[in-house]
Amino acid sequence: MATAVNIRNKVKNLLVYDREELITLNLFWIGFLLYTLSATIVSTRQINYILFQSIQLLGVLLFLPAIVRLIRFEFSSQYQKNVFFLLSFWSLVIFLRGFSLDKEALKLMILNPWFGAFLYFVPWVMLLPQKLILYKKVFSVIVVSGIFYAIFSFFFLSDLMEPEKNVLSRDIVEYFSKNLAVPVIFILLTYVYHTPKRNLIAAGVLALCIFFALVRARRGLLFLTVGSVFFIFIIYWINTKYKILTFIFSAGFVIFLGSVAVYLFMYSDSEYISFLQQRGTEDTRAGIERYFYSDMEGLDWLVGRGMAGVYYSPTMAEGNYRGTIETDYLNMVLKGGLIQLALLLMMLLPAVYKGLFQSKNNLSKAAALWILLWLVNTHPSTIQVFSLFYVLVWISVGICYSNTIRNLSERGLVAYFKS
């Protein structure tokens, strides 16, 4: 009897929030959006830096105090608590080893979402109040982000459609897509909680993202976006009553698309297809990875070289040292060593297992698949960055570790999110 009352109280806590909590949550997401949208525009290098970096700072002044006020040191297990504090301690070590009071270094730490300081503290997002209003807000933020992706793509269409090896065009595609577009995949993973209109917007943004990834021949981005369709299919297959028919139809559709792709790849004379053919056989990683392996020494592998860590790579035009490597799990080793990588896996892998195999609803399963999608893509892409994509990973970790959320009824969640 006492256990049943306890469970009812926990479920009630998921639904109840006060006005101050709601305002603070709104300020957090408004600040985060201001920061992300401004940083994305800055990546184009075609705007007023002072204006948009000022907006970024405004975003920081909104989301930092808000998250400090919101976080709750509540854990579902002693294991989760222990690994979280170990990871937080090690992230602080990485940060302090690269900290500098130099003006340019401070600007990089605060204003660069990909290689600055904030990414090391994203795991604290897991401690946001685990209330259903949080996830409702998350869904809205993802849609807003996707709409801005479409708007930004329209204004910078000529750069996105550049058919040559243009570094700026490449960077715009990567920043626009990973900062703003990729999170819509989470909407499609949780499609049962959304209106047809919202799902259609998400599908349209994902299709646009795949299109620009094809145009610019961004292999890592294509692997991420096209590969995500498999994860979306898993969720759909779990929910459908017609599993065999769905599998046969999907297999036929994949074969058809594959045949069209092979035909275009082999016989089309489009300059975009030619660029994709060239990029498809080009090895841009092996040489850089060899330099990385050669430069890293014994202790470096264990503890990394800190937030500002670099390695010798004379392939770069601007100098002989690089501060990042596109193979992201190696980038984690560069900054925080195998210790950081091990702590991340210790936190993330149990979350995936719990979300997939110890849950009763699609929210938990989608969260687990989101973490898995992120883990799989740490090989071809740079994705441990301060972005909505990575923030969603740690919100998903919180969902997967929560016994209460994992055991919520699917019918109740559908009713709540569609209300």
Protein backbone atom coordinates (compact mmCIF):
# COMPACT_ATOMS: atom_id res chain seq x y z
CA MET A 1 0.00 0.00 0.00
CA ALA A 2 2.79 2.39 0.96
CA THR A 3 4.61 1.55 -2.28
CA ALA A 4 1.51 2.32 -4.37
CA VAL A 5 1.07 5.68 -2.62
CA ASN A 6 4.75 6.47 -3.20
CA ILE A 7 4.42 5.70 -6.90
CA ARG A 8 1.31 7.92 -7.18
CA ASN A 9 3.19 10.77 -5.47
CA LYS A 10 6.11 10.43 -7.88
CA VAL A 11 3.79 10.50 -10.88
CA LYS A 12 2.00 13.53 -9.44
CA ASN A 13 5.36 15.31 -9.07
CA LEU A 14 5.94 14.84 -12.80
CA LEU A 15 2.82 16.89 -13.53
CA VAL A 16 3.02 19.63 -10.89
CA TYR A 17 5.06 22.82 -11.31
CA ASP A 18 4.72 26.36 -10.02
CA ARG A 19 4.75 29.68 -11.87
CA GLU A 20 8.34 30.53 -10.87
CA GLU A 21 9.59 27.17 -12.12
CA LEU A 22 7.81 27.65 -15.45
CA ILE A 23 9.23 31.17 -15.92
CA THR A 24 12.76 29.98 -15.09
CA LEU A 25 12.43 27.07 -17.53
CA ASN A 26 11.28 29.47 -20.25
CA LEU A 27 14.24 31.78 -19.56
CA PHE A 28 16.62 28.83 -19.86
CA TRP A 29 15.31 27.82 -23.26
CA ILE A 30 15.02 31.40 -24.55
CA GLY A 31 18.63 32.03 -23.53
CA PHE A 32 19.77 28.78 -25.09
CA LEU A 33 17.99 29.56 -28.36
CA LEU A 34 19.43 33.09 -28.50
CA TYR A 35 22.92 31.69 -27.96
CA THR A 36 22.55 28.88 -30.50
CA LEU A 37 20.88 30.92 -33.25
CA SER A 38 23.43 33.74 -32.92
CA ALA A 39 26.39 31.34 -32.92
CA THR A 40 24.98 29.67 -36.03
CA ILE A 41 24.69 32.99 -37.86
CA VAL A 42 28.20 33.98 -36.76
CA SER A 43 29.53 30.81 -38.45
CA THR A 44 28.62 32.33 -41.84
CA ARG A 45 31.24 35.10 -41.32
CA GLN A 46 28.94 37.46 -43.27
CA ILE A 47 27.26 39.39 -40.47
CA ASN A 48 27.89 42.01 -37.79
CA TYR A 49 29.99 40.12 -35.25
CA ILE A 50 29.52 42.64 -32.46
CA LEU A 51 25.72 42.50 -32.71
CA PHE A 52 25.34 38.72 -32.78
CA GLN A 53 28.05 37.99 -30.23
CA SER A 54 26.29 40.46 -27.94
CA ILE A 55 23.11 38.43 -28.41
CA GLN A 56 25.09 35.31 -27.55
CA LEU A 57 26.23 36.94 -24.30
CA LEU A 58 22.63 37.89 -23.54
CA GLY A 59 21.72 34.24 -24.04
CA VAL A 60 24.43 33.19 -21.58
CA LEU A 61 23.12 35.70 -19.01
CA LEU A 62 19.68 34.10 -19.36
CA PHE A 63 20.41 30.36 -19.43
CA LEU A 64 23.24 30.16 -16.87
CA PRO A 65 21.36 31.62 -13.86
CA ALA A 66 18.24 29.74 -14.95
CA ILE A 67 19.88 26.32 -14.99
CA VAL A 68 21.61 27.00 -11.66
CA ARG A 69 18.20 27.72 -10.17
CA LEU A 70 16.52 24.74 -11.81
CA ILE A 71 18.91 21.86 -11.16
CA ARG A 72 18.05 19.36 -8.47
CA PHE A 73 20.57 16.88 -7.08
CA GLU A 74 18.15 13.99 -7.31
CA PHE A 75 19.27 10.64 -8.68
CA SER A 76 17.50 7.39 -9.41
CA SER A 77 20.38 5.20 -8.21
CA GLN A 78 23.66 5.38 -6.35
CA TYR A 79 25.44 4.26 -9.52
CA GLN A 80 24.06 7.21 -11.51
CA LYS A 81 25.07 9.60 -8.71
CA ASN A 82 28.62 8.24 -8.42
CA VAL A 83 29.33 8.27 -12.16
CA PHE A 84 27.81 11.74 -12.55
CA PHE A 85 30.08 13.27 -9.90
CA LEU A 86 33.15 11.49 -11.30
CA LEU A 87 32.31 12.78 -14.79
CA SER A 88 31.65 16.29 -13.46
CA PHE A 89 34.95 16.31 -11.57
CA TRP A 90 36.86 15.16 -14.64
CA SER A 91 35.09 17.73 -16.86
CA LEU A 92 36.20 20.42 -14.41
CA VAL A 93 39.78 19.13 -14.66
CA ILE A 94 39.61 19.32 -18.48
CA PHE A 95 38.24 22.85 -18.25
CA LEU A 96 40.85 24.10 -15.75
CA ARG A 97 43.72 22.60 -17.76
CA GLY A 98 42.70 24.79 -20.70
CA PHE A 99 41.53 27.86 -18.80
CA SER A 100 43.20 31.18 -19.63
CA LEU A 101 42.49 34.83 -18.84
CA ASP A 102 43.71 35.86 -22.27
CA LYS A 103 41.00 37.88 -24.05
CA GLU A 104 40.87 35.70 -27.16
CA ALA A 105 40.89 32.50 -25.09
CA LEU A 106 37.98 33.77 -22.99
CA LYS A 107 36.01 34.65 -26.14
CA LEU A 108 36.61 31.15 -27.47
CA MET A 109 35.50 29.55 -24.19
CA ILE A 110 32.28 31.56 -23.95
CA LEU A 111 31.24 32.24 -27.55
CA ASN A 112 32.32 29.12 -29.44
CA PRO A 113 29.71 26.40 -28.85
CA TRP A 114 31.71 23.71 -30.63
CA PHE A 115 35.11 24.09 -29.00
CA GLY A 116 34.40 26.31 -26.00
CA ALA A 117 33.84 25.52 -22.32
CA PHE A 118 30.08 24.99 -22.08
CA LEU A 119 30.10 21.55 -23.71
CA TYR A 120 31.93 20.08 -20.70
CA PHE A 121 29.09 21.02 -18.38
CA VAL A 122 26.18 19.82 -20.53
CA PRO A 123 25.78 16.64 -18.38
CA TRP A 124 24.33 18.90 -15.65
CA VAL A 125 21.24 19.23 -17.86
CA MET A 126 20.41 15.74 -16.61
CA LEU A 127 19.56 17.36 -13.27
CA LEU A 128 16.80 19.61 -14.64
CA PRO A 129 13.47 18.89 -12.92
CA GLN A 130 12.13 15.68 -14.44
CA LYS A 131 8.66 16.99 -15.12
CA LEU A 132 6.60 16.46 -18.22
CA ILE A 133 6.45 20.20 -18.85
CA LEU A 134 10.22 20.08 -19.47
CA TYR A 135 9.79 17.59 -22.31
CA LYS A 136 6.85 19.56 -23.71
CA LYS A 137 9.10 22.64 -23.82
CA VAL A 138 11.87 20.60 -25.42
CA PHE A 139 9.57 19.56 -28.26
CA SER A 140 8.64 23.21 -28.89
CA VAL A 141 12.30 24.32 -28.85
CA ILE A 142 13.19 21.61 -31.38
CA VAL A 143 10.44 22.78 -33.76
CA VAL A 144 11.49 26.44 -33.41
CA SER A 145 15.09 25.43 -34.09
CA GLY A 146 14.03 23.51 -37.21
CA ILE A 147 11.99 26.44 -38.53
CA PHE A 148 14.98 28.77 -38.10
CA TYR A 149 17.07 26.22 -39.99
CA ALA A 150 14.71 26.54 -42.96
CA ILE A 151 14.75 30.36 -42.71
CA PHE A 152 18.55 30.56 -42.47
CA SER A 153 18.91 28.10 -45.36
CA PHE A 154 16.76 30.36 -47.56
CA PHE A 155 18.91 33.43 -46.81
CA PHE A 156 22.20 31.58 -47.35
CA LEU A 157 21.02 29.37 -50.20
CA SER A 158 23.84 30.37 -52.58
CA ASP A 159 26.46 29.30 -50.03
CA LEU A 160 24.69 26.03 -49.29
CA MET A 161 24.43 25.20 -53.00
CA GLU A 162 28.08 25.93 -53.79
CA PRO A 163 29.22 22.90 -55.85
CA GLU A 164 32.96 23.27 -55.27
CA LYS A 165 35.40 22.60 -52.42
CA ASN A 166 34.56 25.76 -50.54
CA VAL A 167 35.55 25.78 -46.86
CA LEU A 168 33.02 28.45 -45.87
CA SER A 169 30.18 26.64 -47.64
CA ARG A 170 31.20 23.39 -45.93
CA ASP A 171 31.22 25.05 -42.51
CA ILE A 172 27.82 26.68 -43.05
CA VAL A 173 26.26 23.32 -43.95
CA GLU A 174 27.81 21.63 -40.89
CA TYR A 175 26.92 24.38 -38.39
CA PHE A 176 23.41 24.96 -39.72
CA SER A 177 22.60 21.25 -39.79
CA LYS A 178 24.06 20.08 -36.48
CA ASN A 179 23.07 23.17 -34.52
CA LEU A 180 19.50 23.53 -35.81
CA ALA A 181 18.24 20.70 -38.03
CA VAL A 182 19.43 17.39 -36.58
CA PRO A 183 17.32 17.70 -33.36
CA VAL A 184 14.11 17.30 -35.42
CA ILE A 185 14.98 13.61 -35.54
CA PHE A 186 13.89 13.48 -31.89
CA ILE A 187 10.44 14.73 -32.93
CA LEU A 188 10.18 11.88 -35.44
CA LEU A 189 11.35 9.36 -32.82
CA THR A 190 8.51 10.57 -30.58
CA TYR A 191 6.01 11.00 -33.43
CA VAL A 192 3.17 9.41 -31.42
CA TYR A 193 3.10 12.46 -29.12
CA HIS A 194 2.80 15.08 -31.88
CA THR A 195 0.22 16.41 -34.29
CA PRO A 196 0.54 15.51 -38.00
CA LYS A 197 1.52 19.15 -38.66
CA ARG A 198 4.47 19.02 -36.25
CA ASN A 199 5.64 15.66 -37.62
CA LEU A 200 5.39 17.04 -41.17
CA ILE A 201 7.53 20.06 -40.25
CA ALA A 202 10.13 17.77 -38.69
CA ALA A 203 10.18 15.47 -41.72
CA GLY A 204 10.51 18.46 -44.06
CA VAL A 205 13.45 19.91 -42.11
CA LEU A 206 15.20 16.52 -42.06
CA ALA A 207 14.67 16.09 -45.81
CA LEU A 208 16.10 19.58 -46.42
CA CYS A 209 19.08 18.76 -44.24
CA ILE A 210 19.74 15.54 -46.17
CA PHE A 211 19.46 17.45 -49.45
CA PHE A 212 22.13 19.99 -48.48
CA ALA A 213 24.34 17.23 -47.08
CA LEU A 214 24.15 15.56 -50.52
CA VAL A 215 24.88 18.81 -52.35
CA ARG A 216 27.95 19.49 -50.21
CA ALA A 217 28.89 15.78 -50.06
CA ARG A 218 29.17 15.81 -46.25
CA ARG A 219 29.63 12.11 -45.58
CA GLY A 220 29.46 12.28 -41.79
CA LEU A 221 26.30 14.38 -41.92
CA LEU A 222 24.74 11.98 -44.43
CA PHE A 223 25.55 9.02 -42.19
CA LEU A 224 23.91 10.83 -39.26
CA THR A 225 20.75 12.01 -41.04
CA VAL A 226 20.09 9.08 -43.37
CA GLY A 227 21.11 6.62 -40.66
CA SER A 228 18.61 8.18 -38.28
CA VAL A 229 15.81 6.90 -40.54
CA PHE A 230 16.69 3.39 -39.34
CA PHE A 231 16.17 4.47 -35.70
CA ILE A 232 12.85 6.11 -36.64
CA PHE A 233 11.85 2.87 -38.36
CA ILE A 234 12.60 0.91 -35.16
CA ILE A 235 10.20 3.09 -33.17
CA TYR A 236 7.53 2.81 -35.85
CA TRP A 237 7.99 -0.95 -36.12
CA ILE A 238 7.64 -1.32 -32.32
CA ASN A 239 4.29 0.50 -32.43
CA THR A 240 2.70 -0.86 -35.58
CA LYS A 241 0.36 -3.85 -35.57
CA TYR A 242 1.44 -4.81 -39.10
CA LYS A 243 5.08 -5.68 -38.47
CA ILE A 244 5.66 -8.13 -41.34
CA LEU A 245 3.86 -5.97 -43.91
CA THR A 246 5.75 -2.88 -42.71
CA PHE A 247 9.08 -4.72 -42.98
CA ILE A 248 8.37 -5.95 -46.53
CA PHE A 249 7.16 -2.54 -47.73
CA SER A 250 10.15 -0.78 -46.13
CA ALA A 251 12.63 -3.25 -47.62
CA GLY A 252 11.13 -2.70 -51.08
CA PHE A 253 11.27 1.06 -50.67
CA VAL A 254 14.92 0.92 -49.58
CA ILE A 255 15.81 -1.27 -52.59
CA PHE A 256 14.04 1.19 -54.92
CA LEU A 257 15.83 4.22 -53.45
CA GLY A 258 19.14 2.35 -53.52
CA SER A 259 18.66 1.53 -57.21
CA VAL A 260 17.88 5.16 -58.05
CA ALA A 261 20.93 6.32 -56.08
CA VAL A 262 23.23 3.83 -57.85
CA TYR A 263 21.88 4.88 -61.25
CA LEU A 264 22.43 8.56 -60.54
CA PHE A 265 25.85 7.90 -59.06
CA MET A 266 26.95 5.91 -62.11
CA TYR A 267 25.37 7.78 -65.01
CA SER A 268 24.45 11.35 -64.00
CA ASP A 269 26.69 14.16 -65.28
CA SER A 270 25.48 16.66 -62.64
CA GLU A 271 28.29 18.65 -61.03
CA TYR A 272 26.80 17.86 -57.61
CA ILE A 273 26.87 14.11 -58.31
CA SER A 274 30.44 14.42 -59.59
CA PHE A 275 31.44 16.20 -56.39
CA LEU A 276 29.75 13.48 -54.34
CA GLN A 277 31.57 10.79 -56.36
CA GLN A 278 34.90 12.50 -55.74
CA ARG A 279 34.23 12.91 -52.02
CA GLY A 280 32.96 9.33 -51.75
CA THR A 281 36.37 7.87 -52.58
CA GLU A 282 38.50 10.55 -50.91
CA ASP A 283 40.22 9.60 -47.64
CA THR A 284 40.52 12.78 -45.57
CA ARG A 285 40.93 11.11 -42.17
CA ALA A 286 43.69 8.51 -42.32
CA GLY A 287 46.60 10.97 -42.59
CA ILE A 288 45.34 13.21 -39.81
CA GLU A 289 44.65 10.23 -37.54
CA ARG A 290 48.20 8.95 -38.12
CA TYR A 291 49.60 12.32 -37.02
CA PHE A 292 47.34 12.16 -33.97
CA TYR A 293 48.49 8.68 -32.99
CA SER A 294 52.13 9.65 -33.50
CA ASP A 295 51.94 12.80 -31.39
CA MET A 296 49.97 11.42 -28.45
CA GLU A 297 52.25 10.04 -25.73
CA GLY A 298 51.59 7.57 -22.90
CA LEU A 299 50.00 9.83 -20.27
CA ASP A 300 48.20 11.86 -22.95
CA TRP A 301 46.12 8.80 -23.81
CA LEU A 302 45.00 8.44 -20.21
CA VAL A 303 44.30 12.07 -19.16
CA GLY A 304 44.28 14.01 -22.44
CA ARG A 305 45.71 17.50 -22.96
CA GLY A 306 42.90 19.65 -21.56
CA MET A 307 40.30 21.89 -23.14
CA ALA A 308 42.91 23.74 -25.24
CA GLY A 309 44.84 20.58 -26.14
CA VAL A 310 46.40 20.33 -29.61
CA TYR A 311 48.36 17.76 -31.59
CA TYR A 312 50.97 17.99 -34.36
CA SER A 313 49.41 17.90 -37.83
CA PRO A 314 51.38 19.71 -40.58
CA THR A 315 48.48 19.27 -43.04
CA MET A 316 46.93 22.54 -41.84
CA ALA A 317 47.53 25.71 -43.86
CA GLU A 318 47.28 27.98 -40.81
CA GLY A 319 49.84 26.10 -38.71
CA ASN A 320 51.32 22.78 -37.70
CA TYR A 321 49.00 22.09 -34.76
CA ARG A 322 45.30 21.28 -34.63
CA GLY A 323 42.93 21.66 -31.70
CA THR A 324 40.35 19.18 -32.95
CA ILE A 325 39.98 15.97 -34.92
CA GLU A 326 36.79 15.10 -36.78
CA THR A 327 36.73 11.55 -35.38
CA ASP A 328 34.94 12.69 -32.26
CA TYR A 329 35.81 9.88 -29.86
CA LEU A 330 39.47 10.67 -30.59
CA ASN A 331 38.69 14.34 -29.94
CA MET A 332 37.38 13.31 -26.52
CA VAL A 333 40.64 11.44 -25.90
CA LEU A 334 42.63 14.51 -27.01
CA LYS A 335 40.89 16.74 -24.48
CA GLY A 336 40.12 14.39 -21.59
CA GLY A 337 41.87 11.13 -22.34
CA LEU A 338 40.47 7.63 -22.10
CA ILE A 339 39.20 8.59 -18.64
CA GLN A 340 36.64 10.97 -20.16
CA LEU A 341 35.60 8.44 -22.78
CA ALA A 342 35.22 5.67 -20.19
CA LEU A 343 33.14 7.84 -17.85
CA LEU A 344 30.84 8.86 -20.71
CA LEU A 345 30.29 5.22 -21.68
CA MET A 346 29.72 4.25 -18.04
CA MET A 347 26.89 6.76 -17.90
CA LEU A 348 25.41 6.37 -21.38
CA LEU A 349 25.41 2.60 -22.02
CA PRO A 350 23.30 1.65 -18.97
CA ALA A 351 20.89 4.45 -19.92
CA VAL A 352 20.45 2.93 -23.39
CA TYR A 353 19.80 -0.51 -21.90
CA LYS A 354 17.28 0.79 -19.37
CA GLY A 355 15.45 2.91 -21.94
CA LEU A 356 15.16 0.13 -24.52
CA PHE A 357 14.56 -2.96 -22.39
CA GLN A 358 13.20 -1.75 -19.04
CA SER A 359 10.57 0.78 -20.14
CA LYS A 360 6.87 0.84 -20.93
CA ASN A 361 6.61 3.87 -23.19
CA ASN A 362 7.91 5.39 -26.39
CA LEU A 363 9.43 8.42 -24.66
CA SER A 364 11.99 6.25 -22.86
CA LYS A 365 12.69 4.13 -25.93
CA ALA A 366 13.14 7.24 -28.10
CA ALA A 367 15.51 8.70 -25.49
CA ALA A 368 17.58 5.50 -25.53
CA LEU A 369 17.73 5.51 -29.34
CA TRP A 370 18.76 9.17 -29.29
CA ILE A 371 21.73 8.37 -27.02
CA LEU A 372 22.61 5.41 -29.25
CA LEU A 373 22.41 7.59 -32.37
CA TRP A 374 24.84 10.03 -30.75
CA LEU A 375 27.25 7.26 -29.73
CA VAL A 376 27.28 5.69 -33.21
CA ASN A 377 28.06 9.05 -34.80
CA THR A 378 31.07 9.84 -32.60
CA HIS A 379 33.16 8.09 -35.26
CA PRO A 380 32.23 10.00 -38.45
CA SER A 381 31.27 13.39 -36.98
CA THR A 382 32.11 16.11 -34.46
CA ILE A 383 29.06 16.02 -32.18
CA GLN A 384 30.26 16.50 -28.60
CA VAL A 385 29.51 20.21 -28.83
CA PHE A 386 27.29 22.69 -26.99
CA SER A 387 24.23 22.20 -29.17
CA LEU A 388 20.64 21.08 -28.81
CA PHE A 389 21.71 17.69 -30.21
CA TYR A 390 24.08 17.11 -27.26
CA VAL A 391 21.76 18.72 -24.70
CA LEU A 392 19.07 16.23 -25.78
CA VAL A 393 21.50 13.39 -25.10
CA TRP A 394 21.67 14.33 -21.42
CA ILE A 395 17.96 15.05 -21.13
CA SER A 396 17.52 11.55 -22.55
CA VAL A 397 19.93 10.14 -19.95
CA GLY A 398 17.74 11.63 -17.22
CA ILE A 399 14.66 10.02 -18.79
CA CYS A 400 16.28 6.60 -19.11
CA TYR A 401 17.57 6.49 -15.53
CA SER A 402 14.22 7.56 -14.06
CA ASN A 403 12.24 4.52 -12.91
CA THR A 404 9.10 6.66 -12.69
CA ILE A 405 9.30 7.99 -16.25
CA ARG A 406 10.19 4.60 -17.72
CA ASN A 407 7.09 3.09 -16.15
CA LEU A 408 4.59 5.76 -17.18
CA SER A 409 1.74 4.48 -19.33
CA GLU A 410 1.93 5.23 -23.03
CA ARG A 411 -1.73 6.22 -23.11
CA GLY A 412 -1.20 8.80 -20.37
CA LEU A 413 1.82 10.34 -22.13
CA VAL A 414 -0.04 10.59 -25.44
CA ALA A 415 -2.95 12.32 -23.69
CA TYR A 416 -0.62 14.76 -21.92
CA PHE A 417 1.54 15.75 -24.89
CA LYS A 418 -1.39 16.08 -27.29
CA SER A 419 -3.49 18.13 -24.85
